[in-house]
Amino acid sequence: MADPLDSGDDIFDKLKKGVDPKLLEEKTKRANERELAQFEKAQRQLGELIQGNSTLPTTISSIRILNATKTRRGFLDRIFNPIISANQDRPYTLAEAIREVSVGADKLHKLDIFHAPISLFIDRPSQVDPSTTPTDIDIYLSVVEKSRFKFKTGTDIGNAEGSAYVQGLARNIFGGAESLNINASFGTRTRSAYQASFETPILSNPDLRWEFGGLASSTQKPWSSHEEVLKGGWTKLRWVTMGGGRHELGYNGVWRQITGLASNASPTVRGDAGDSVKSSLMHTWVKDRRDDAQLPTRGYLNKSTLELAGWGPLQGDVAFGKAEVEAQGAIPVPIPGFQGESGVSLTTGLRAGLLYPLPLGAESESRPSRINDRFQLGGPTDVRGFRLSGLGPREGSDALGGDVYAAGSANLLFPIPRVGKDKPFRFQIFANGGRLLALKQSENEGTDGEKVRQKKLAPTIAELGNGLPSMAAGFGLVYAHPVARFELNFSLPLVLRKGEDGRKGLQFGIGINML
């Protein structure tokens, strides 16, 4: 007869050995599959229930947000009270009621203060209450609020610069989806940069936001033999139109200083050294229909930026009008004999910009543009195959920037063998080019006999098409991270103008909006 104590010892020995990891993994997998099957079954049943009763007259008695303890009730009522008010004029069908509440739930998601998903529940109010009717329903939205504070540190490497950063975010500060962002970074080229901004939705509308903030930075610009120091602030109004276009209208006031000149700095750079104040209005419009911002295979992007500085009451000591446009398109490339999406795509892009100096205040003549207002072109994020600011007017070793530019690129991207089209890695073949010019000027004799310089816009624009643009071609690897796009390319300059700085060989770039 077996001793019961011995069997007890065997049990404890088995417990000490622990559970087989493979067995535990298998049990977890089965449990997840059962939970997923139950969820899918519940979703099917809910869909069938709604479909079978979609035309049922419905009156929303109340909409309640559960677990929103840090968010003001009045803030949430602005989103959902109009739904209830509209329902009092005429009854919804059940399908309409759910659709309207789902639109409100989507607004909650856009506020970025709740975790996804936001669950929706429907219940009938108590029939004992004499104020209820048979068509009344109560709707509950269950939310999980995001943590109020977020802190992040890290490092960035790219575009010939390494940096370390610290980011802090305070979310839903006053219970109305307000946010306070504070950033600090220190790098090899951007020696220091500090920025703080406060943003809040207007009238509980996530598509209408107001922001104000301030910045201070110090950046070395070796391609122009100087360092630029900025201190200033801004305020912006952002909104989204029904067609999906995103608008941003704002005011910027910035004190700039060009300092830290190199011993071999050019006379033009030395002439722009010192302090200047820019006071400007800006408007940005973006319509993005790409399927992926960093690695698009279909869709298009249109963008325009307008800036007016120093004109009329804006004051400051620089005055100009500045416009920049960008267009990008992507199409999938089918491969004969390949079923479905091949993963091969063709992306084309075009950018162009114009800066035109204006008279400042009561002055009759405009001043020449400054180096810290002009466009710069060239580098791994726009015209590959050239060094940073490698295109355009130069004086000695300094890139002076330009007032008019145009640039374009065509990229053919292929999935990497044995990696697959579903991974964010691609092999690319590209060709790109561009021109960057200063405004042409002519001297005429004024009424008092003095010579007056006039800027000629039309001849400068015509010069963009005079001959081939500065061009480069090459191939490389692309990795599309959710935050930025990484490229490692081998480039070969094909067309260079006198003084321009091409780069033959490997070139590494990181950007969030590459040409």
Protein backbone atom coordinates (compact mmCIF):
# COMPACT_ATOMS: atom_id res chain seq x y z
CA MET A 1 0.00 0.00 0.00
CA ALA A 2 1.43 3.38 -1.02
CA ASP A 3 2.26 5.83 1.71
CA PRO A 4 0.09 8.97 1.31
CA LEU A 5 2.98 11.10 2.55
CA ASP A 6 5.10 9.93 -0.41
CA SER A 7 2.39 10.97 -2.89
CA GLY A 8 2.23 14.37 -1.16
CA ASP A 9 5.98 14.80 -1.59
CA ASP A 10 5.58 14.02 -5.33
CA ILE A 11 3.00 16.78 -5.65
CA PHE A 12 5.26 19.34 -3.99
CA ASP A 13 8.18 18.23 -6.16
CA LYS A 14 6.09 18.86 -9.27
CA LEU A 15 5.07 22.27 -8.00
CA LYS A 16 8.72 23.16 -7.37
CA LYS A 17 9.62 22.25 -10.95
CA GLY A 18 7.14 24.84 -12.22
CA VAL A 19 5.01 24.81 -15.36
CA ASP A 20 6.45 23.88 -18.73
CA PRO A 21 6.84 27.20 -20.69
CA LYS A 22 5.59 25.56 -23.89
CA LEU A 23 2.50 24.27 -22.09
CA LEU A 24 1.87 27.70 -20.56
CA GLU A 25 2.26 29.37 -23.96
CA GLU A 26 -0.20 26.91 -25.50
CA LYS A 27 -2.77 27.53 -22.75
CA THR A 28 -2.40 31.30 -23.16
CA LYS A 29 -2.83 30.99 -26.91
CA ARG A 30 -6.01 28.92 -26.50
CA ALA A 31 -7.41 31.38 -23.96
CA ASN A 32 -6.74 34.30 -26.32
CA GLU A 33 -8.38 32.45 -29.20
CA ARG A 34 -11.45 31.72 -27.07
CA GLU A 35 -11.64 35.37 -25.98
CA LEU A 36 -11.29 36.57 -29.59
CA ALA A 37 -13.97 34.13 -30.76
CA GLN A 38 -16.34 35.33 -28.03
CA PHE A 39 -15.69 38.97 -28.95
CA GLU A 40 -16.28 38.31 -32.65
CA LYS A 41 -19.47 36.42 -31.82
CA ALA A 42 -20.71 39.31 -29.66
CA GLN A 43 -19.90 41.79 -32.45
CA ARG A 44 -21.82 39.67 -34.98
CA GLN A 45 -24.79 39.42 -32.67
CA LEU A 46 -24.73 43.18 -32.05
CA GLY A 47 -24.50 43.84 -35.78
CA GLU A 48 -27.40 41.49 -36.49
CA LEU A 49 -29.44 43.11 -33.71
CA ILE A 50 -28.82 46.60 -35.07
CA GLN A 51 -29.46 45.51 -38.66
CA GLY A 52 -32.73 43.84 -37.69
CA ASN A 53 -33.89 46.95 -35.81
CA SER A 54 -32.12 49.66 -37.79
CA THR A 55 -35.35 51.46 -38.71
CA LEU A 56 -36.80 51.28 -35.20
CA PRO A 57 -37.80 54.80 -34.01
CA THR A 58 -35.49 55.81 -31.18
CA THR A 59 -35.26 58.72 -28.78
CA ILE A 60 -31.97 59.23 -26.94
CA SER A 61 -32.86 59.90 -23.30
CA SER A 62 -29.28 60.43 -22.14
CA ILE A 63 -25.65 59.99 -23.13
CA ARG A 64 -23.29 59.27 -20.27
CA ILE A 65 -19.51 59.07 -20.32
CA LEU A 66 -18.20 56.52 -17.85
CA ASN A 67 -14.82 56.77 -16.09
CA ALA A 68 -14.05 60.31 -17.36
CA THR A 69 -13.14 61.49 -13.87
CA LYS A 70 -10.49 64.02 -14.96
CA THR A 71 -12.56 65.64 -17.73
CA ARG A 72 -15.09 68.40 -17.11
CA ARG A 73 -18.72 67.44 -17.61
CA GLY A 74 -19.47 70.74 -19.31
CA PHE A 75 -16.67 70.10 -21.81
CA LEU A 76 -18.19 66.73 -22.76
CA ASP A 77 -21.75 68.12 -22.87
CA ARG A 78 -20.75 70.45 -25.74
CA ILE A 79 -20.06 67.36 -27.82
CA PHE A 80 -23.15 65.28 -27.04
CA ASN A 81 -25.89 67.76 -26.08
CA PRO A 82 -26.43 68.82 -29.74
CA ILE A 83 -27.12 65.15 -30.58
CA ILE A 84 -29.83 64.95 -27.91
CA SER A 85 -31.27 68.34 -28.88
CA ALA A 86 -31.54 67.35 -32.55
CA ASN A 87 -33.27 64.13 -31.47
CA GLN A 88 -35.98 66.11 -29.67
CA ASP A 89 -37.05 67.73 -32.95
CA ARG A 90 -37.54 64.39 -34.67
CA PRO A 91 -36.92 60.78 -33.58
CA TYR A 92 -33.84 59.00 -34.86
CA THR A 93 -33.85 55.50 -36.18
CA LEU A 94 -31.66 53.16 -34.16
CA ALA A 95 -29.05 53.18 -36.95
CA GLU A 96 -29.04 57.00 -37.03
CA ALA A 97 -28.72 57.23 -33.24
CA ILE A 98 -25.71 54.92 -33.23
CA ARG A 99 -24.13 56.77 -36.15
CA GLU A 100 -24.51 60.17 -34.46
CA VAL A 101 -23.12 58.92 -31.15
CA SER A 102 -20.25 57.24 -33.01
CA VAL A 103 -19.35 60.62 -34.52
CA GLY A 104 -19.21 62.02 -30.99
CA ALA A 105 -17.07 59.08 -29.86
CA ASP A 106 -14.70 59.78 -32.76
CA LYS A 107 -14.35 63.36 -31.48
CA LEU A 108 -13.40 61.98 -28.07
CA HIS A 109 -10.72 59.87 -29.74
CA LYS A 110 -9.33 62.90 -31.63
CA LEU A 111 -8.95 64.81 -28.37
CA ASP A 112 -6.10 62.41 -27.50
CA ILE A 113 -7.04 62.13 -23.82
CA PHE A 114 -8.68 58.68 -23.96
CA HIS A 115 -7.28 55.27 -24.84
CA ALA A 116 -8.77 53.37 -27.79
CA PRO A 117 -11.19 51.70 -28.13
CA ILE A 118 -14.11 53.65 -26.70
CA SER A 119 -16.89 51.15 -25.92
CA LEU A 120 -20.57 51.93 -26.58
CA PHE A 121 -23.46 50.37 -24.64
CA ILE A 122 -27.22 50.77 -25.12
CA ASP A 123 -29.83 50.32 -22.39
CA ARG A 124 -33.47 51.17 -21.86
CA PRO A 125 -34.43 53.52 -19.02
CA SER A 126 -36.64 52.29 -16.23
CA GLN A 127 -40.25 52.01 -17.42
CA VAL A 128 -41.39 52.95 -13.90
CA ASP A 129 -40.34 56.54 -14.61
CA PRO A 130 -43.47 58.29 -16.00
CA SER A 131 -41.31 60.68 -18.07
CA THR A 132 -39.96 57.89 -20.29
CA THR A 133 -41.45 56.66 -23.53
CA PRO A 134 -41.22 53.22 -25.18
CA THR A 135 -38.74 54.57 -27.74
CA ASP A 136 -36.30 55.97 -25.15
CA ILE A 137 -32.79 54.56 -24.86
CA ASP A 138 -29.82 55.41 -22.66
CA ILE A 139 -26.36 55.37 -24.26
CA TYR A 140 -23.18 54.80 -22.28
CA LEU A 141 -19.66 55.41 -23.56
CA SER A 142 -16.97 53.69 -21.51
CA VAL A 143 -13.58 55.38 -21.70
CA VAL A 144 -10.16 54.93 -20.15
CA GLU A 145 -8.34 58.22 -19.62
CA LYS A 146 -4.70 58.49 -20.61
CA SER A 147 -2.18 59.37 -17.94
CA ARG A 148 -2.01 63.08 -17.29
CA PHE A 149 1.78 63.31 -17.45
CA LYS A 150 4.27 61.84 -19.90
CA PHE A 151 8.05 62.11 -19.82
CA LYS A 152 10.50 60.93 -22.48
CA THR A 153 14.23 61.11 -23.15
CA GLY A 154 16.24 59.88 -26.10
CA THR A 155 18.82 60.54 -28.78
CA ASP A 156 18.59 61.37 -32.48
CA ILE A 157 21.20 60.87 -35.19
CA GLY A 158 20.80 62.17 -38.72
CA ASN A 159 21.58 64.88 -41.26
CA ALA A 160 25.16 65.13 -40.00
CA GLU A 161 23.97 65.88 -36.47
CA GLY A 162 23.56 63.97 -33.23
CA SER A 163 21.39 65.23 -30.40
CA ALA A 164 19.89 64.27 -27.05
CA TYR A 165 16.42 65.44 -26.06
CA VAL A 166 14.04 65.63 -23.13
CA GLN A 167 10.29 65.91 -23.65
CA GLY A 168 7.54 66.53 -21.12
CA LEU A 169 3.79 66.49 -21.73
CA ALA A 170 0.99 67.52 -19.37
CA ARG A 171 -2.31 66.33 -20.79
CA ASN A 172 -5.90 67.39 -19.98
CA ILE A 173 -4.60 70.00 -17.52
CA PHE A 174 -7.89 71.77 -16.75
CA GLY A 175 -10.23 68.96 -17.78
CA GLY A 176 -10.82 70.34 -21.27
CA ALA A 177 -8.22 68.41 -23.33
CA GLU A 178 -5.62 71.15 -22.88
CA SER A 179 -1.97 70.16 -23.27
CA LEU A 180 1.36 71.67 -22.29
CA ASN A 181 4.43 70.48 -24.21
CA ILE A 182 7.97 71.26 -23.05
CA ASN A 183 10.99 70.18 -25.12
CA ALA A 184 14.72 70.62 -24.66
CA SER A 185 17.45 69.27 -26.94
CA PHE A 186 21.22 69.52 -27.15
CA GLY A 187 23.17 68.52 -30.23
CA THR A 188 26.35 68.76 -32.18
CA ARG A 189 24.94 71.42 -34.52
CA THR A 190 21.82 72.66 -32.74
CA ARG A 191 23.75 73.39 -29.58
CA SER A 192 20.60 74.02 -27.55
CA ALA A 193 16.89 74.33 -28.25
CA TYR A 194 14.09 74.97 -25.77
CA GLN A 195 10.43 75.12 -26.64
CA ALA A 196 7.17 75.26 -24.69
CA SER A 197 3.66 75.35 -26.12
CA PHE A 198 0.12 75.31 -24.76
CA GLU A 199 -2.75 74.01 -26.89
CA THR A 200 -6.49 73.80 -26.28
CA PRO A 201 -9.52 72.84 -28.39
CA ILE A 202 -12.09 75.59 -28.94
CA LEU A 203 -15.71 74.79 -27.97
CA SER A 204 -14.79 71.11 -27.42
CA ASN A 205 -14.05 70.77 -31.14
CA PRO A 206 -10.93 68.63 -31.77
CA ASP A 207 -10.74 70.03 -35.32
CA LEU A 208 -10.49 73.63 -34.08
CA ARG A 209 -7.50 74.35 -31.82
CA TRP A 210 -5.62 77.35 -30.50
CA GLU A 211 -1.93 77.24 -29.58
CA PHE A 212 0.64 79.66 -28.25
CA GLY A 213 4.25 79.10 -27.26
CA GLY A 214 7.82 80.30 -27.09
CA LEU A 215 11.25 79.11 -28.17
CA ALA A 216 14.94 79.76 -27.69
CA SER A 217 17.63 78.06 -29.75
CA SER A 218 21.24 78.29 -30.85
CA THR A 219 22.22 76.56 -34.11
CA GLN A 220 25.55 76.37 -35.87
CA LYS A 221 25.38 76.72 -39.66
CA PRO A 222 28.83 75.77 -40.94
CA TRP A 223 27.72 75.94 -44.59
CA SER A 224 27.35 79.71 -44.05
CA SER A 225 30.13 80.25 -41.45
CA HIS A 226 27.90 81.48 -38.62
CA GLU A 227 25.72 80.61 -35.68
CA GLU A 228 22.08 81.70 -35.41
CA VAL A 229 20.41 82.48 -32.09
CA LEU A 230 16.60 82.68 -31.93
CA LYS A 231 14.25 83.85 -29.18
CA GLY A 232 10.58 84.45 -29.74
CA GLY A 233 7.01 83.29 -29.58
CA TRP A 234 3.98 82.45 -31.68
CA THR A 235 0.26 81.95 -31.59
CA LYS A 236 -1.68 79.75 -34.04
CA LEU A 237 -5.22 78.80 -34.90
CA ARG A 238 -5.68 75.36 -36.48
CA TRP A 239 -8.75 73.92 -38.13
CA VAL A 240 -9.80 71.09 -40.43
CA THR A 241 -12.29 71.60 -43.28
CA MET A 242 -14.98 69.18 -44.42
CA GLY A 243 -12.84 68.20 -47.40
CA GLY A 244 -10.00 67.10 -45.13
CA GLY A 245 -7.74 70.12 -45.67
CA ARG A 246 -5.79 71.26 -42.61
CA HIS A 247 -5.29 75.01 -42.12
CA GLU A 248 -3.03 76.90 -39.77
CA LEU A 249 -3.09 80.67 -39.35
CA GLY A 250 -0.59 82.24 -36.99
CA TYR A 251 1.59 85.13 -35.91
CA ASN A 252 5.33 84.84 -35.21
CA GLY A 253 7.54 87.33 -33.44
CA VAL A 254 11.21 86.33 -33.34
CA TRP A 255 14.44 88.07 -32.39
CA ARG A 256 17.29 86.64 -34.47
CA GLN A 257 21.02 87.09 -34.10
CA ILE A 258 23.73 86.01 -36.54
CA THR A 259 26.87 85.58 -34.46
CA GLY A 260 29.89 83.33 -34.00
CA LEU A 261 31.29 84.16 -37.44
CA ALA A 262 34.11 81.99 -38.72
CA SER A 263 37.40 83.66 -39.57
CA ASN A 264 36.81 83.01 -43.28
CA ALA A 265 33.16 84.20 -43.30
CA SER A 266 32.25 85.96 -46.55
CA PRO A 267 31.48 89.72 -46.74
CA THR A 268 27.77 88.98 -47.35
CA VAL A 269 27.50 86.89 -44.20
CA ARG A 270 29.37 89.55 -42.23
CA GLY A 271 27.00 92.18 -43.62
CA ASP A 272 23.98 90.26 -42.28
CA ALA A 273 25.59 89.64 -38.88
CA GLY A 274 23.96 91.12 -35.81
CA ASP A 275 20.37 91.42 -34.63
CA SER A 276 17.12 91.46 -36.54
CA VAL A 277 13.45 91.16 -35.58
CA LYS A 278 10.90 89.34 -37.70
CA SER A 279 7.20 89.99 -37.13
CA SER A 280 5.07 87.96 -39.53
CA LEU A 281 1.73 86.39 -40.30
CA MET A 282 1.71 82.84 -41.69
CA HIS A 283 -0.84 80.54 -43.27
CA THR A 284 -0.28 76.86 -44.03
CA TRP A 285 -2.64 74.56 -45.91
CA VAL A 286 -2.13 70.79 -46.20
CA LYS A 287 -4.21 68.14 -47.92
CA ASP A 288 -2.72 64.68 -47.47
CA ARG A 289 -4.35 61.70 -49.21
CA ARG A 290 -1.36 59.34 -49.07
CA ASP A 291 -1.80 55.86 -47.60
CA ASP A 292 1.44 56.30 -45.63
CA ALA A 293 3.25 59.55 -44.87
CA GLN A 294 6.76 58.03 -44.86
CA LEU A 295 6.44 55.29 -47.49
CA PRO A 296 3.42 56.03 -49.71
CA THR A 297 2.33 53.60 -52.40
CA ARG A 298 -0.71 55.57 -53.57
CA GLY A 299 -2.33 58.94 -53.02
CA TYR A 300 -1.17 62.55 -53.11
CA LEU A 301 -0.02 65.44 -50.93
CA ASN A 302 -0.59 69.14 -51.59
CA LYS A 303 0.83 71.82 -49.34
CA SER A 304 1.22 75.59 -49.44
CA THR A 305 2.83 78.06 -47.01
CA LEU A 306 2.44 81.84 -47.15
CA GLU A 307 4.26 84.36 -44.95
CA LEU A 308 3.99 88.14 -44.79
CA ALA A 309 6.62 89.89 -42.65
CA GLY A 310 7.16 93.52 -41.65
CA TRP A 311 4.43 94.99 -43.82
CA GLY A 312 2.27 97.80 -42.45
CA PRO A 313 1.47 97.38 -38.73
CA LEU A 314 3.55 94.19 -38.42
CA GLN A 315 6.69 96.29 -37.82
CA GLY A 316 10.00 94.47 -37.22
CA ASP A 317 13.06 95.32 -39.28
CA VAL A 318 12.63 92.84 -42.16
CA ALA A 319 9.81 92.98 -44.71
CA PHE A 320 9.01 90.41 -47.36
CA GLY A 321 6.39 88.15 -48.87
CA LYS A 322 7.25 84.46 -48.99
CA ALA A 323 5.40 81.58 -50.64
CA GLU A 324 6.21 77.89 -50.89
CA VAL A 325 4.27 75.05 -52.51
CA GLU A 326 4.75 71.30 -52.53
CA ALA A 327 3.08 68.44 -54.40
CA GLN A 328 3.73 64.72 -54.13
CA GLY A 329 2.06 61.75 -55.79
CA ALA A 330 2.49 57.99 -55.47
CA ILE A 331 1.12 55.16 -57.60
CA PRO A 332 1.55 51.36 -57.32
CA VAL A 333 3.40 49.72 -60.21
CA PRO A 334 1.86 46.41 -61.31
CA ILE A 335 4.15 43.56 -62.35
CA PRO A 336 2.89 41.23 -65.11
CA GLY A 337 2.19 37.77 -63.77
CA PHE A 338 2.13 38.93 -60.14
CA GLN A 339 -1.20 38.57 -58.37
CA GLY A 340 -2.29 41.40 -56.07
CA GLU A 341 -0.12 44.30 -54.92
CA SER A 342 3.49 43.94 -56.06
CA GLY A 343 4.87 46.36 -53.45
CA VAL A 344 6.61 48.32 -56.23
CA SER A 345 5.68 52.02 -56.30
CA LEU A 346 6.64 55.21 -58.10
CA THR A 347 6.77 58.44 -56.08
CA THR A 348 7.25 61.88 -57.60
CA GLY A 349 7.59 65.20 -55.81
CA LEU A 350 7.88 68.89 -56.64
CA ARG A 351 8.68 71.90 -54.47
CA ALA A 352 8.96 75.56 -55.36
CA GLY A 353 9.34 78.78 -53.43
CA LEU A 354 9.55 82.55 -53.83
CA LEU A 355 10.76 85.28 -51.46
CA TYR A 356 10.14 88.90 -52.52
CA PRO A 357 11.45 91.79 -50.38
CA LEU A 358 8.94 94.55 -49.57
CA PRO A 359 9.38 98.17 -48.43
CA LEU A 360 9.62 98.40 -44.65
CA GLY A 361 7.29 100.88 -43.00
CA ALA A 362 7.36 104.27 -44.78
CA GLU A 363 10.41 103.39 -46.88
CA SER A 364 9.95 103.62 -50.65
CA GLU A 365 12.47 100.90 -51.51
CA SER A 366 12.77 97.35 -50.30
CA ARG A 367 15.91 96.08 -48.64
CA PRO A 368 17.76 92.98 -49.89
CA SER A 369 16.67 89.72 -48.27
CA ARG A 370 18.72 88.42 -45.35
CA ILE A 371 20.53 85.09 -45.24
CA ASN A 372 18.32 83.79 -42.42
CA ASP A 373 15.16 84.40 -44.48
CA ARG A 374 16.30 82.93 -47.81
CA PHE A 375 15.70 79.39 -49.00
CA GLN A 376 18.43 76.76 -48.74
CA LEU A 377 18.53 73.76 -51.08
CA GLY A 378 20.56 70.57 -51.22
CA GLY A 379 21.14 67.63 -48.90
CA PRO A 380 19.84 64.14 -48.15
CA THR A 381 16.27 65.29 -47.40
CA ASP A 382 15.58 67.27 -50.59
CA VAL A 383 18.08 67.16 -53.50
CA ARG A 384 20.13 64.05 -52.76
CA GLY A 385 23.65 63.88 -54.14
CA PHE A 386 24.50 67.37 -52.84
CA ARG A 387 25.81 68.52 -49.50
CA LEU A 388 23.64 70.51 -47.11
CA SER A 389 22.82 73.84 -48.83
CA GLY A 390 25.03 72.72 -51.70
CA LEU A 391 22.93 74.39 -54.43
CA GLY A 392 22.50 78.04 -55.25
CA PRO A 393 24.49 81.27 -54.89
CA ARG A 394 27.79 81.08 -53.04
CA GLU A 395 30.48 83.47 -51.95
CA GLY A 396 33.72 81.75 -51.21
CA SER A 397 32.86 78.67 -49.19
CA ASP A 398 29.58 80.13 -47.88
CA ALA A 399 26.12 79.17 -49.14
CA LEU A 400 24.14 82.40 -49.32
CA GLY A 401 20.71 80.91 -50.05
CA GLY A 402 18.31 82.14 -52.70
CA ASP A 403 15.01 83.93 -53.27
CA VAL A 404 13.53 81.61 -55.90
CA TYR A 405 13.83 77.85 -56.17
CA ALA A 406 12.30 74.77 -57.75
CA ALA A 407 13.18 71.12 -57.10
CA GLY A 408 11.81 67.77 -58.17
CA SER A 409 12.41 64.09 -57.56
CA ALA A 410 11.31 60.70 -58.90
CA ASN A 411 11.78 57.57 -56.78
CA LEU A 412 11.10 53.98 -57.82
CA LEU A 413 10.85 51.72 -54.77
CA PHE A 414 11.06 47.91 -54.66
CA PRO A 415 10.45 45.42 -51.84
CA ILE A 416 13.67 43.84 -50.60
CA PRO A 417 13.93 40.13 -51.48
CA ARG A 418 13.34 37.76 -48.54
CA VAL A 419 12.03 40.69 -46.49
CA GLY A 420 8.68 41.15 -48.21
CA LYS A 421 6.41 43.97 -49.30
CA ASP A 422 4.64 44.20 -45.93
CA LYS A 423 7.80 45.33 -44.12
CA PRO A 424 8.77 49.03 -44.06
CA PHE A 425 12.02 48.40 -45.95
CA ARG A 426 12.55 49.30 -49.61
CA PHE A 427 15.29 49.47 -52.21
CA GLN A 428 15.04 52.69 -54.21
CA ILE A 429 16.36 54.11 -57.45
CA PHE A 430 16.07 57.89 -57.68
CA ALA A 431 16.81 60.92 -59.80
CA ASN A 432 16.39 64.46 -58.47
CA GLY A 433 17.39 68.00 -59.30
CA GLY A 434 16.74 71.65 -58.64
CA ARG A 435 17.73 75.31 -59.07
CA LEU A 436 18.13 78.01 -56.42
CA LEU A 437 18.56 81.62 -57.55
CA ALA A 438 18.84 85.12 -56.13
CA LEU A 439 16.49 87.79 -57.50
CA LYS A 440 17.95 89.57 -60.49
CA GLN A 441 18.44 93.31 -60.05
CA SER A 442 18.82 96.24 -62.42
CA GLU A 443 19.93 99.83 -61.75
CA ASN A 444 17.84 102.72 -63.05
CA GLU A 445 18.25 106.46 -62.53
CA GLY A 446 15.69 107.94 -60.15
CA THR A 447 14.01 111.36 -60.32
CA ASP A 448 16.71 112.95 -58.18
CA GLY A 449 19.53 111.52 -60.24
CA GLU A 450 20.36 108.72 -57.80
CA LYS A 451 20.56 105.15 -58.99
CA VAL A 452 17.67 102.95 -57.90
CA ARG A 453 17.94 99.19 -57.79
CA GLN A 454 14.89 97.29 -59.02
CA LYS A 455 14.29 93.62 -58.44
CA LYS A 456 13.18 91.67 -61.48
CA LEU A 457 10.95 88.75 -60.66
CA ALA A 458 9.95 87.52 -64.12
CA PRO A 459 13.52 87.17 -65.49
CA THR A 460 14.54 85.30 -62.34
CA ILE A 461 11.69 82.82 -62.67
CA ALA A 462 12.47 82.41 -66.38
CA GLU A 463 16.08 81.61 -65.46
CA LEU A 464 14.87 78.50 -63.58
CA GLY A 465 14.15 76.85 -66.92
CA ASN A 466 17.33 78.02 -68.61
CA GLY A 467 19.29 74.82 -69.17
CA LEU A 468 19.27 71.65 -67.15
CA PRO A 469 18.79 71.85 -63.38
CA SER A 470 21.54 70.67 -61.08
CA MET A 471 20.91 66.93 -60.96
CA ALA A 472 21.96 63.72 -59.24
CA ALA A 473 20.89 60.08 -59.41
CA GLY A 474 21.53 57.00 -57.33
CA PHE A 475 20.16 54.08 -55.39
CA GLY A 476 19.85 53.09 -51.78
CA LEU A 477 17.92 51.58 -48.89
CA VAL A 478 14.85 53.10 -47.22
CA TYR A 479 13.41 52.33 -43.80
CA ALA A 480 10.07 53.94 -42.93
CA HIS A 481 9.79 54.35 -39.18
CA PRO A 482 6.43 55.66 -37.89
CA VAL A 483 8.16 58.87 -36.80
CA ALA A 484 10.64 59.51 -39.63
CA ARG A 485 12.11 58.10 -42.83
CA PHE A 486 15.70 56.80 -42.89
CA GLU A 487 17.70 56.60 -46.12
CA LEU A 488 21.18 55.33 -46.95
CA ASN A 489 21.97 56.17 -50.58
CA PHE A 490 24.80 56.04 -53.03
CA SER A 491 24.56 59.23 -55.08
CA LEU A 492 26.25 60.44 -58.24
CA PRO A 493 25.98 64.14 -59.22
CA LEU A 494 25.19 64.46 -62.94
CA VAL A 495 24.89 68.23 -63.47
CA LEU A 496 26.70 70.78 -61.27
CA ARG A 497 27.07 74.50 -61.69
CA LYS A 498 30.11 76.51 -60.77
CA GLY A 499 30.57 76.67 -57.02
CA GLU A 500 27.88 74.10 -56.16
CA ASP A 501 28.86 71.39 -53.69
CA GLY A 502 27.99 67.88 -54.89
CA ARG A 503 28.55 64.70 -52.95
CA LYS A 504 29.54 61.47 -54.69
CA GLY A 505 29.24 58.33 -52.60
CA LEU A 506 27.24 57.29 -49.55
CA GLN A 507 24.83 59.75 -47.97
CA PHE A 508 22.67 59.17 -44.90
CA GLY A 509 19.51 61.14 -44.19
CA ILE A 510 16.62 61.28 -41.74
CA GLY A 511 13.50 63.34 -42.38
CA ILE A 512 9.76 63.52 -41.89
CA ASN A 513 9.01 65.18 -45.22
CA MET A 514 11.53 64.07 -47.83
CA LEU A 515 11.33 65.12 -51.46
